[in-house]
Amino acid sequence: MPAQPGGSVERLNPEAGETSLRRVHLQIGSDKFRSMTKLFRQTVEQVEKLPASEQDAAAGALMDYLDHMRGLALTDEQAAEVRRRLADPGRGVSLEDMRERFRSCAGN
């Protein structure tokens, strides 16, 4: 059963060894939700209105996204290179200079 913001919903917490549903109070104003952006909070409120199977589908999609994002992390060396380049922004090449380089390489 979907919960309304500030309402209650049944949840199973297998990590805590729970084998039956327990009632959990969801409070949008709680500390857990304060760190969310307004858009994410609104999204959670909309997902709460969905049937359980659709909530699970939405949660699965979010978990897939998070798994994908974890795979995009920079190595320490890559992060250091980004910091180095950001520290010296004037060292780059202008768009016009780059176009000229491409033209000269292409023989035009």
Protein backbone atom coordinates (compact mmCIF):
# COMPACT_ATOMS: atom_id res chain seq x y z
CA MET A 1 0.00 0.00 0.00
CA PRO A 2 1.54 3.34 -1.01
CA ALA A 3 2.12 5.87 1.71
CA GLN A 4 1.21 9.49 1.63
CA PRO A 5 3.98 11.93 2.58
CA GLY A 6 4.29 11.82 6.33
CA GLY A 7 2.31 8.56 6.40
CA SER A 8 3.29 4.97 7.05
CA VAL A 9 4.11 2.10 4.73
CA GLU A 10 4.94 -1.57 5.16
CA ARG A 11 8.60 -2.37 4.48
CA LEU A 12 10.77 -5.48 4.74
CA ASN A 13 14.37 -5.02 5.83
CA PRO A 14 16.17 -8.29 4.94
CA GLU A 15 19.57 -6.81 5.88
CA ALA A 16 18.33 -6.61 9.47
CA GLY A 17 17.17 -10.24 9.33
CA GLU A 18 13.50 -9.34 9.11
CA THR A 19 11.27 -11.99 7.61
CA SER A 20 7.96 -10.21 7.99
CA LEU A 21 6.73 -6.76 7.15
CA ARG A 22 6.95 -4.02 9.72
CA ARG A 23 5.43 -0.56 9.75
CA VAL A 24 7.84 2.28 9.04
CA HIS A 25 6.88 5.93 9.40
CA LEU A 26 7.98 8.06 6.48
CA GLN A 27 8.32 11.73 7.28
CA ILE A 28 9.27 13.92 4.32
CA GLY A 29 10.46 16.60 6.75
CA SER A 30 12.78 14.19 8.57
CA ASP A 31 16.58 14.47 8.42
CA LYS A 32 16.73 11.63 5.91
CA PHE A 33 14.64 13.63 3.44
CA ARG A 34 16.07 17.10 4.18
CA SER A 35 19.24 16.34 2.24
CA MET A 36 17.24 15.53 -0.91
CA THR A 37 16.74 18.11 -3.62
CA LYS A 38 13.25 19.46 -4.07
CA LEU A 39 12.86 17.57 -7.35
CA PHE A 40 13.97 14.26 -5.82
CA ARG A 41 11.62 14.76 -2.86
CA GLN A 42 8.73 15.45 -5.27
CA THR A 43 9.66 12.33 -7.20
CA VAL A 44 9.61 10.20 -4.04
CA GLU A 45 6.19 11.62 -3.20
CA GLN A 46 4.91 10.61 -6.66
CA VAL A 47 6.44 7.13 -6.45
CA GLU A 48 4.77 6.61 -3.05
CA LYS A 49 1.39 6.96 -4.78
CA LEU A 50 2.11 4.05 -7.13
CA PRO A 51 1.12 0.42 -6.53
CA ALA A 52 3.83 -1.70 -4.86
CA SER A 53 4.88 -3.41 -8.11
CA GLU A 54 5.41 -0.04 -9.82
CA GLN A 55 7.31 1.28 -6.78
CA ASP A 56 9.60 -1.75 -7.09
CA ALA A 57 10.08 -1.06 -10.81
CA ALA A 58 10.96 2.59 -10.08
CA ALA A 59 13.36 1.50 -7.34
CA GLY A 60 14.97 -1.00 -9.72
CA ALA A 61 15.45 1.70 -12.35
CA LEU A 62 17.06 4.00 -9.78
CA MET A 63 19.36 1.20 -8.58
CA ASP A 64 20.39 0.50 -12.20
CA TYR A 65 21.21 4.19 -12.60
CA LEU A 66 23.28 4.20 -9.40
CA ASP A 67 25.16 1.06 -10.45
CA HIS A 68 25.90 2.68 -13.81
CA MET A 69 27.13 5.89 -12.17
CA ARG A 70 29.47 3.96 -9.86
CA GLY A 71 31.12 2.54 -12.97
CA LEU A 72 31.87 6.05 -14.22
CA ALA A 73 34.20 7.01 -11.39
CA LEU A 74 37.55 8.52 -12.32
CA THR A 75 40.78 6.87 -11.30
CA ASP A 76 43.04 8.84 -8.94
CA GLU A 77 45.28 9.67 -11.89
CA GLN A 78 42.37 10.92 -13.98
CA ALA A 79 41.06 13.06 -11.12
CA ALA A 80 44.53 14.54 -10.64
CA GLU A 81 44.70 15.39 -14.35
CA VAL A 82 41.30 17.09 -14.22
CA ARG A 83 42.42 19.16 -11.21
CA ARG A 84 45.66 20.07 -12.99
CA ARG A 85 43.82 21.22 -16.11
CA LEU A 86 41.22 23.17 -14.14
CA ALA A 87 43.99 24.96 -12.24
CA ASP A 88 45.36 26.39 -15.52
CA PRO A 89 42.33 27.23 -17.70
CA GLY A 90 44.26 29.66 -19.92
CA ARG A 91 46.48 26.90 -21.23
CA GLY A 92 43.89 25.55 -23.67
CA VAL A 93 43.46 26.15 -27.39
CA SER A 94 40.76 28.44 -28.77
CA LEU A 95 38.07 26.97 -30.99
CA GLU A 96 39.35 28.96 -33.98
CA ASP A 97 42.93 27.71 -33.42
CA MET A 98 41.67 24.14 -33.21
CA ARG A 99 39.69 24.55 -36.45
CA GLU A 100 42.82 25.92 -38.14
CA ARG A 101 44.84 22.93 -36.92
CA PHE A 102 42.23 20.53 -38.30
CA ARG A 103 42.17 22.36 -41.65
CA SER A 104 45.96 22.19 -41.91
CA CYS A 105 45.97 18.47 -41.09
CA ALA A 106 43.26 17.80 -43.68
CA GLY A 107 45.19 19.76 -46.31
CA ASN A 108 42.45 22.35 -46.89
